[in-house]
N, C-alpha and C. Protein backbone atom coordinates (compact mmCIF):
# COMPACT_ATOMS: atom_id res chain seq x y z
N MET A 1 50.13 -103.20 -8.48
CA MET A 1 50.29 -101.99 -8.33
C MET A 1 52.01 -101.92 -8.01
N SER A 2 52.55 -100.58 -8.49
CA SER A 2 53.87 -100.59 -8.58
C SER A 2 54.56 -100.07 -7.06
N ASN A 3 55.67 -100.51 -6.85
CA ASN A 3 56.31 -100.03 -5.80
C ASN A 3 55.92 -98.40 -5.45
N SER A 4 56.32 -97.60 -6.26
CA SER A 4 55.87 -96.27 -6.18
C SER A 4 54.51 -95.88 -5.89
N ASN A 5 53.79 -96.59 -6.81
CA ASN A 5 52.07 -96.56 -6.35
C ASN A 5 51.78 -96.59 -4.77
N TRP A 6 52.21 -97.75 -4.46
CA TRP A 6 52.17 -98.37 -3.16
C TRP A 6 52.76 -97.53 -2.09
N LEU A 7 54.02 -97.10 -2.32
CA LEU A 7 54.63 -96.05 -1.53
C LEU A 7 54.07 -94.74 -1.29
N ASP A 8 53.47 -94.23 -2.55
CA ASP A 8 52.57 -93.15 -2.72
C ASP A 8 51.40 -92.96 -1.72
N SER A 9 51.05 -94.12 -1.25
CA SER A 9 49.54 -94.21 -0.70
C SER A 9 49.97 -94.32 0.81
N LEU A 10 51.32 -94.12 1.08
CA LEU A 10 51.27 -93.83 2.58
C LEU A 10 51.56 -92.64 2.88
N ILE A 11 50.95 -92.09 3.99
CA ILE A 11 51.46 -90.76 4.55
C ILE A 11 51.63 -90.91 6.12
N LEU A 12 52.12 -89.80 6.53
CA LEU A 12 52.36 -89.84 8.16
C LEU A 12 51.02 -89.61 8.68
N ASN A 13 51.02 -90.32 10.03
CA ASN A 13 49.94 -90.30 10.63
C ASN A 13 49.85 -89.04 11.84
N PRO A 14 48.95 -88.05 11.50
CA PRO A 14 49.17 -86.66 12.38
C PRO A 14 48.43 -87.09 13.70
N ASP A 15 47.69 -88.28 13.86
CA ASP A 15 47.00 -88.70 14.87
C ASP A 15 48.22 -89.88 15.79
N SER A 16 49.34 -89.93 15.57
CA SER A 16 50.20 -90.78 16.03
C SER A 16 50.39 -90.27 17.36
N ASP A 17 50.40 -91.25 18.43
CA ASP A 17 50.67 -90.77 20.16
C ASP A 17 51.96 -91.47 20.38
N ARG A 18 53.10 -90.63 20.03
CA ARG A 18 54.60 -91.14 20.47
C ARG A 18 54.78 -91.00 21.93
N SER A 19 53.74 -90.64 23.03
CA SER A 19 53.97 -90.17 24.11
C SER A 19 54.06 -91.71 24.74
N VAL A 20 53.77 -92.90 24.18
CA VAL A 20 54.15 -94.18 24.72
C VAL A 20 54.53 -95.07 23.87
N GLY A 21 55.30 -95.98 23.96
CA GLY A 21 55.65 -96.84 23.24
C GLY A 21 57.32 -96.70 23.25
N ARG A 22 58.22 -97.44 22.47
CA ARG A 22 59.59 -97.80 22.30
C ARG A 22 60.16 -96.39 21.47
N ASN A 23 61.53 -96.14 21.42
CA ASN A 23 62.15 -95.35 20.68
C ASN A 23 62.11 -95.95 19.30
N LEU A 24 62.51 -95.13 18.50
CA LEU A 24 62.72 -95.57 17.13
C LEU A 24 64.10 -95.84 16.75
N SER A 25 64.29 -97.09 15.96
CA SER A 25 65.57 -97.35 15.42
C SER A 25 66.37 -96.20 14.53
N ARG A 26 67.53 -96.52 14.52
CA ARG A 26 68.21 -95.72 13.43
C ARG A 26 67.63 -95.57 12.03
N GLU A 27 67.06 -96.93 11.41
CA GLU A 27 66.57 -96.81 10.47
C GLU A 27 65.25 -96.26 10.16
N GLU A 28 64.83 -96.64 11.28
CA GLU A 28 63.02 -96.18 11.32
C GLU A 28 63.31 -94.48 11.24
N LEU A 29 64.04 -93.95 11.78
CA LEU A 29 64.39 -92.33 11.86
C LEU A 29 64.61 -91.94 10.53
N PHE A 30 65.68 -92.86 9.76
CA PHE A 30 66.13 -92.26 8.64
C PHE A 30 64.76 -92.42 7.64
N VAL A 31 64.07 -93.50 7.42
CA VAL A 31 62.66 -94.01 6.50
C VAL A 31 61.59 -92.75 6.91
N LEU A 32 61.52 -92.60 8.21
CA LEU A 32 60.62 -91.55 8.76
C LEU A 32 60.69 -90.12 8.10
N ALA A 33 61.99 -89.63 8.03
CA ALA A 33 62.58 -88.37 7.46
C ALA A 33 62.59 -88.66 6.38
N TRP A 34 62.85 -89.59 5.44
CA TRP A 34 62.76 -89.42 3.99
C TRP A 34 61.36 -89.35 3.60
N PHE A 35 60.48 -90.06 4.29
CA PHE A 35 59.09 -90.05 3.92
C PHE A 35 58.48 -88.49 4.01
N MET A 36 58.90 -87.70 5.28
CA MET A 36 58.46 -86.36 5.44
C MET A 36 59.18 -85.45 4.12
N PHE A 37 60.04 -85.75 3.68
CA PHE A 37 60.80 -84.96 2.58
C PHE A 37 60.48 -85.34 0.95
N ASN A 38 59.97 -86.61 0.80
CA ASN A 38 59.53 -87.10 -0.12
C ASN A 38 57.99 -87.40 -0.01
N GLN A 39 57.38 -86.68 -1.07
CA GLN A 39 56.06 -86.92 -0.89
C GLN A 39 55.40 -87.59 -2.21
N LYS A 40 56.00 -87.76 -3.18
CA LYS A 40 55.59 -88.57 -4.17
C LYS A 40 56.68 -89.01 -4.89
N ASP A 41 56.31 -90.09 -6.16
CA ASP A 41 57.42 -90.75 -6.70
C ASP A 41 58.49 -91.53 -5.95
N ARG A 42 57.88 -92.28 -4.95
CA ARG A 42 58.56 -92.83 -3.68
C ARG A 42 58.84 -94.25 -4.54
N THR A 43 60.42 -94.81 -4.42
CA THR A 43 60.37 -96.04 -4.77
C THR A 43 61.44 -96.68 -3.56
N PHE A 44 61.46 -98.02 -3.16
CA PHE A 44 62.46 -98.47 -2.34
C PHE A 44 64.23 -98.22 -2.78
N GLU A 45 64.25 -98.14 -4.00
CA GLU A 45 65.65 -97.97 -4.31
C GLU A 45 65.93 -96.56 -4.16
N ASN A 46 65.27 -95.56 -4.16
CA ASN A 46 65.51 -93.89 -3.90
C ASN A 46 65.38 -94.32 -2.66
N MET A 47 64.97 -94.55 -1.75
CA MET A 47 64.79 -94.65 -0.19
C MET A 47 66.19 -95.29 0.20
N ALA A 48 66.30 -96.28 -0.10
CA ALA A 48 67.68 -97.01 0.11
C ALA A 48 68.72 -96.18 -0.24
N ARG A 49 68.74 -95.70 -1.47
CA ARG A 49 70.09 -94.92 -1.96
C ARG A 49 70.21 -93.48 -0.80
N GLU A 50 69.25 -92.95 -0.67
CA GLU A 50 69.33 -91.71 0.18
C GLU A 50 69.27 -91.81 1.62
N CYS A 51 68.76 -93.10 2.22
CA CYS A 51 69.29 -93.50 3.58
C CYS A 51 70.28 -94.03 3.90
N LYS A 52 70.95 -94.32 2.68
CA LYS A 52 72.04 -95.29 2.87
C LYS A 52 72.01 -96.40 3.85
N LEU A 53 70.70 -97.09 3.26
CA LEU A 53 70.46 -98.47 3.94
C LEU A 53 70.31 -99.49 2.94
N SER A 54 70.12 -100.77 2.93
CA SER A 54 69.69 -101.68 2.05
C SER A 54 68.14 -101.35 1.90
N GLU A 55 67.65 -101.99 0.73
CA GLU A 55 66.27 -102.16 0.29
C GLU A 55 65.48 -103.14 1.64
N GLU A 56 66.19 -103.93 2.17
CA GLU A 56 65.55 -104.50 2.98
C GLU A 56 65.22 -104.18 4.28
N GLN A 57 66.41 -103.22 4.64
CA GLN A 57 66.50 -102.22 5.96
C GLN A 57 65.44 -101.34 5.94
N CYS A 58 65.21 -100.80 4.51
CA CYS A 58 64.15 -99.78 4.33
C CYS A 58 62.60 -100.55 4.52
N GLN A 59 62.58 -101.77 3.95
CA GLN A 59 61.33 -102.25 4.14
C GLN A 59 60.93 -102.68 5.38
N GLY A 60 61.63 -103.38 6.22
CA GLY A 60 61.83 -103.49 7.65
C GLY A 60 61.24 -102.41 8.52
N ALA A 61 62.41 -101.15 8.12
CA ALA A 61 61.80 -99.99 9.09
C ALA A 61 60.53 -99.18 8.65
N LEU A 62 59.90 -99.66 7.72
CA LEU A 62 58.61 -99.16 7.09
C LEU A 62 57.36 -100.03 7.48
N GLN A 63 57.91 -101.21 7.81
CA GLN A 63 56.67 -102.09 8.36
C GLN A 63 56.72 -101.90 9.76
N GLU A 64 57.93 -101.55 10.53
CA GLU A 64 57.60 -101.49 12.02
C GLU A 64 56.87 -99.98 12.06
N LEU A 65 57.01 -98.84 11.07
CA LEU A 65 56.66 -97.63 11.23
C LEU A 65 55.25 -97.74 10.78
N ILE A 66 54.80 -98.61 9.98
CA ILE A 66 53.29 -98.91 9.78
C ILE A 66 52.69 -99.87 10.88
N ARG A 67 53.35 -100.76 11.48
CA ARG A 67 52.93 -101.19 12.56
C ARG A 67 52.73 -100.36 13.92
N ALA A 68 53.46 -99.44 14.15
CA ALA A 68 53.54 -98.59 15.41
C ALA A 68 52.68 -97.40 15.00
N GLU A 69 51.86 -97.38 13.79
CA GLU A 69 50.94 -96.46 13.29
C GLU A 69 51.49 -95.02 13.08
N ILE A 70 52.64 -95.08 13.14
CA ILE A 70 53.51 -93.63 12.67
C ILE A 70 53.01 -93.22 11.16
N ILE A 71 53.30 -94.09 10.43
CA ILE A 71 52.97 -94.03 9.04
C ILE A 71 51.50 -94.79 8.61
N ARG A 72 50.68 -94.51 7.84
CA ARG A 72 49.15 -95.20 7.54
C ARG A 72 49.39 -95.12 6.09
N PHE A 73 48.19 -95.81 5.58
CA PHE A 73 47.63 -95.69 4.30
C PHE A 73 46.56 -94.38 4.02
N ARG A 74 46.38 -94.05 3.09
CA ARG A 74 45.65 -92.65 2.86
C ARG A 74 44.53 -93.30 3.26
C-alpha cells in the first residue's frame, strides 16, 4: 500500500473526547489542520512541505494523533 493510500484511509474521529488528556504539540496541531483541509491524495512529502516540518516530525505527530484517537482508520 502506498503512503497516499495509507494516509487516505485515515479520518478525523468525530467521537474523540478532548475534554481529558494533554494539550497537543505544535507539530500535532499542524498535522491535524493539514488532515482537515486535505481529504485525498495525501502524502508525507506534501504534509511536510505544507506544514513546514520534516517527514519524521509529521510521522511522529500522526502516530500521536492516532494514539490519542483524534485520527483513526476508516
